[in-house]
Amino acid sequence: MKKIIFIIFFMLISSISVAEVFTLTDCINLAKEHNLELQQARLSIANARAAASEARAQFYPSLGVSSSYRLSGDFSGNNNYQGNFSNGVNASYNLYKGGAIRASAKIADYRLAIAQENYRQKEAEVILAVKQAFYKILQIQQQIDLIKQVLQRRHENLVLIKLNYNVGRENQANVAQAEANLSQSEYDYWK
């Protein structure tokens, strides 16, 4: 979670320097593409699909083909050799295994469904983390903009109060208060 926030923060900060803006959708797509847990979940789905296909394959007959060649004879130089070819085809089909084939196919299908749901859950967690980080960064950016505006206004207010003080319309306490407000705004900006 902290890594996701850091990555998004880094992307947003680096986007300022290259003038590229990432939308929430862009951030979500990047996170979904590069998140290690989601990649592992995708591999789990692929493994579960392969296991389900293998379990369903037991419903069909299996075929095997074999071929061999055997060379025999006197190898002492008489050139009396005899070669034999052997070919074979093997077919087998399980007629009944006590429901084990159907049960293993159902179990494999359930494991595939579980892997898919795990992926959906991890994906939802990643999307939530990205959204939280994205909106937190936007909130911080808006706070910085607001602090800049307050700082500018307090600076302008100080200038105005000093001008009024110079013509005799303000007292020294108001000038000191305006300077303190400006100092507080500068502190808020830099912290």
Protein backbone atom coordinates (compact mmCIF):
# COMPACT_ATOMS: atom_id res chain seq x y z
CA MET A 1 0.00 0.00 0.00
CA LYS A 2 2.80 2.43 0.91
CA LYS A 3 4.61 1.47 -2.27
CA ILE A 4 1.54 2.29 -4.35
CA ILE A 5 1.19 5.68 -2.67
CA PHE A 6 4.87 6.39 -3.21
CA ILE A 7 4.71 5.35 -6.88
CA ILE A 8 1.67 7.50 -7.54
CA PHE A 9 3.19 10.44 -5.67
CA PHE A 10 6.42 10.03 -7.63
CA MET A 11 4.51 9.85 -10.93
CA LEU A 12 2.54 12.98 -10.12
CA ILE A 13 5.60 14.90 -8.97
CA SER A 14 7.63 13.78 -11.98
CA SER A 15 4.72 14.62 -14.25
CA ILE A 16 5.00 18.24 -13.18
CA SER A 17 8.51 18.47 -14.59
CA VAL A 18 7.64 16.88 -17.92
CA ALA A 19 4.19 18.48 -18.14
CA GLU A 20 2.41 15.13 -18.38
CA VAL A 21 -0.74 14.77 -16.33
CA PHE A 22 -1.91 11.39 -15.09
CA THR A 23 -5.60 10.83 -14.66
CA LEU A 24 -7.07 8.49 -12.11
CA THR A 25 -7.70 5.95 -14.88
CA ASP A 26 -4.05 6.16 -15.97
CA CYS A 27 -2.87 5.55 -12.41
CA ILE A 28 -5.23 2.60 -11.98
CA ASN A 29 -4.10 1.05 -15.26
CA LEU A 30 -0.42 1.49 -14.35
CA ALA A 31 -0.98 -0.08 -10.94
CA LYS A 32 -2.92 -3.01 -12.40
CA GLU A 33 -0.19 -3.59 -14.94
CA HIS A 34 2.77 -3.44 -12.55
CA ASN A 35 1.37 -4.78 -9.28
CA LEU A 36 3.17 -7.99 -8.29
CA GLU A 37 0.19 -9.49 -6.42
CA LEU A 38 -2.05 -9.04 -9.48
CA GLN A 39 0.57 -10.64 -11.71
CA GLN A 40 0.74 -13.61 -9.33
CA ALA A 41 -3.06 -13.84 -9.30
CA ARG A 42 -3.11 -13.86 -13.13
CA LEU A 43 -0.60 -16.73 -13.08
CA SER A 44 -2.77 -18.58 -10.57
CA ILE A 45 -5.73 -18.23 -12.94
CA ALA A 46 -3.65 -19.58 -15.83
CA ASN A 47 -2.51 -22.55 -13.71
CA ALA A 48 -6.07 -23.25 -12.58
CA ARG A 49 -7.29 -23.15 -16.21
CA ALA A 50 -4.60 -25.63 -17.22
CA ALA A 51 -5.53 -27.92 -14.31
CA ALA A 52 -9.23 -27.70 -15.27
CA SER A 53 -8.41 -28.61 -18.88
CA GLU A 54 -6.30 -31.51 -17.69
CA ALA A 55 -9.08 -32.74 -15.42
CA ARG A 56 -11.65 -32.53 -18.24
CA ALA A 57 -9.27 -34.40 -20.56
CA GLN A 58 -9.84 -37.52 -18.46
CA PHE A 59 -13.36 -37.74 -19.97
CA TYR A 60 -11.81 -38.54 -23.37
CA PRO A 61 -9.82 -41.56 -24.50
CA SER A 62 -6.06 -41.41 -24.51
CA LEU A 63 -4.05 -42.52 -27.50
CA GLY A 64 -0.42 -43.50 -27.63
CA VAL A 65 1.84 -44.32 -30.55
CA SER A 66 5.21 -45.99 -30.25
CA SER A 67 7.88 -47.05 -32.68
CA SER A 68 11.25 -48.73 -32.23
CA TYR A 69 14.08 -50.25 -34.22
CA ARG A 70 16.36 -53.00 -32.99
CA LEU A 71 19.62 -53.96 -34.63
CA SER A 72 21.11 -57.33 -33.70
CA GLY A 73 23.73 -59.65 -35.04
CA ASP A 74 27.43 -60.33 -35.09
CA PHE A 75 29.35 -57.05 -34.75
CA SER A 76 32.81 -58.61 -34.99
CA GLY A 77 33.21 -57.74 -38.65
CA ASN A 78 31.10 -60.35 -40.44
CA ASN A 79 28.52 -57.79 -41.44
CA ASN A 80 25.80 -60.15 -40.37
CA TYR A 81 23.20 -57.74 -39.02
CA GLN A 82 19.52 -58.08 -38.61
CA GLY A 83 17.18 -55.15 -38.02
CA ASN A 84 13.68 -55.30 -36.58
CA PHE A 85 11.10 -52.54 -36.64
CA SER A 86 8.35 -52.46 -34.10
CA ASN A 87 5.35 -50.13 -34.18
CA GLY A 88 2.43 -49.92 -31.84
CA VAL A 89 -0.71 -48.00 -31.10
CA ASN A 90 -2.26 -47.89 -27.67
CA ALA A 91 -5.71 -46.58 -26.81
CA SER A 92 -7.35 -46.50 -23.40
CA TYR A 93 -10.60 -45.18 -22.02
CA ASN A 94 -11.81 -45.24 -18.45
CA LEU A 95 -15.39 -46.39 -18.42
CA TYR A 96 -15.98 -45.90 -14.73
CA LYS A 97 -13.77 -44.75 -11.90
CA GLY A 98 -16.32 -44.39 -9.17
CA GLY A 99 -17.10 -40.75 -10.00
CA ALA A 100 -13.47 -39.67 -9.50
CA ILE A 101 -13.18 -38.16 -12.99
CA ARG A 102 -16.29 -36.02 -12.61
CA ALA A 103 -15.29 -35.03 -9.07
CA SER A 104 -11.77 -34.01 -10.11
CA ALA A 105 -13.22 -31.92 -12.97
CA LYS A 106 -15.60 -30.16 -10.55
CA ILE A 107 -12.80 -29.53 -8.06
CA ALA A 108 -10.63 -28.07 -10.83
CA ASP A 109 -13.51 -25.81 -11.93
CA TYR A 110 -14.01 -24.64 -8.34
CA ARG A 111 -10.30 -23.92 -8.00
CA LEU A 112 -10.48 -21.86 -11.19
CA ALA A 113 -13.44 -19.91 -9.81
CA ILE A 114 -11.56 -19.32 -6.55
CA ALA A 115 -8.48 -18.08 -8.44
CA GLN A 116 -10.65 -15.69 -10.47
CA GLU A 117 -12.35 -14.35 -7.34
CA ASN A 118 -8.98 -13.91 -5.62
CA TYR A 119 -7.84 -11.89 -8.62
CA ARG A 120 -10.98 -9.72 -8.50
CA GLN A 121 -10.47 -9.13 -4.77
CA LYS A 122 -6.80 -8.17 -5.19
CA GLU A 123 -7.72 -5.94 -8.12
CA ALA A 124 -10.36 -4.17 -6.02
CA GLU A 125 -7.81 -3.67 -3.22
CA VAL A 126 -5.28 -2.19 -5.64
CA ILE A 127 -7.90 0.11 -7.18
CA LEU A 128 -8.98 1.29 -3.72
CA ALA A 129 -5.38 1.97 -2.68
CA VAL A 130 -4.72 3.90 -5.90
CA LYS A 131 -7.88 5.96 -5.51
CA GLN A 132 -7.05 6.79 -1.90
CA ALA A 133 -3.51 7.81 -2.81
CA PHE A 134 -4.64 9.78 -5.86
CA TYR A 135 -7.23 11.78 -3.95
CA LYS A 136 -4.84 12.32 -1.04
CA ILE A 137 -2.31 13.79 -3.46
CA LEU A 138 -4.98 16.00 -5.03
CA GLN A 139 -6.00 17.16 -1.57
CA ILE A 140 -2.40 18.02 -0.72
CA GLN A 141 -2.00 19.91 -4.00
CA GLN A 142 -5.15 21.91 -3.30
CA GLN A 143 -3.95 22.67 0.23
CA ILE A 144 -0.65 23.93 -1.16
CA ASP A 145 -2.49 26.15 -3.65
CA LEU A 146 -4.70 27.48 -0.87
CA ILE A 147 -1.69 28.20 1.35
CA LYS A 148 -0.05 30.05 -1.56
CA GLN A 149 -3.18 32.18 -1.99
CA VAL A 150 -3.34 32.92 1.74
CA LEU A 151 0.36 33.82 1.72
CA GLN A 152 -0.14 36.19 -1.22
CA ARG A 153 -3.17 37.83 0.40
CA ARG A 154 -1.42 38.26 3.73
CA HIS A 155 1.54 39.84 1.97
CA GLU A 156 -0.80 42.21 0.15
CA ASN A 157 -2.60 42.90 3.44
CA LEU A 158 0.70 43.73 5.14
CA VAL A 159 1.60 46.17 2.37
CA LEU A 160 -1.82 47.81 2.64
CA ILE A 161 -1.64 48.08 6.44
CA LYS A 162 1.88 49.57 6.25
CA LEU A 163 0.65 52.16 3.75
CA ASN A 164 -2.26 53.02 6.04
CA TYR A 165 0.15 53.18 9.01
CA ASN A 166 2.39 55.61 7.13
CA VAL A 167 -0.57 57.96 6.56
CA GLY A 168 -1.79 57.54 10.11
CA ARG A 169 -4.86 55.33 9.64
CA GLU A 170 -3.44 52.18 11.34
CA ASN A 171 -1.55 51.66 14.56
CA GLN A 172 1.65 49.71 15.24
CA ALA A 173 -0.24 46.76 16.76
CA ASN A 174 -2.09 46.11 13.49
CA VAL A 175 1.20 46.20 11.56
CA ALA A 176 2.73 43.72 14.03
CA GLN A 177 -0.35 41.46 13.72
CA ALA A 178 -0.14 41.54 9.91
CA GLU A 179 3.58 40.67 10.05
CA ALA A 180 2.83 37.79 12.43
CA ASN A 181 0.08 36.53 10.11
CA LEU A 182 2.47 36.68 7.16
CA SER A 183 5.15 34.81 9.13
CA GLN A 184 2.62 32.12 10.09
CA SER A 185 1.56 31.73 6.44
CA GLU A 186 5.19 31.38 5.36
CA TYR A 187 5.72 28.74 8.03
CA ASP A 188 2.60 26.86 6.87
CA TYR A 189 3.82 27.03 3.29
CA TRP A 190 7.26 25.59 4.02
CA LYS A 191 6.26 22.86 6.46
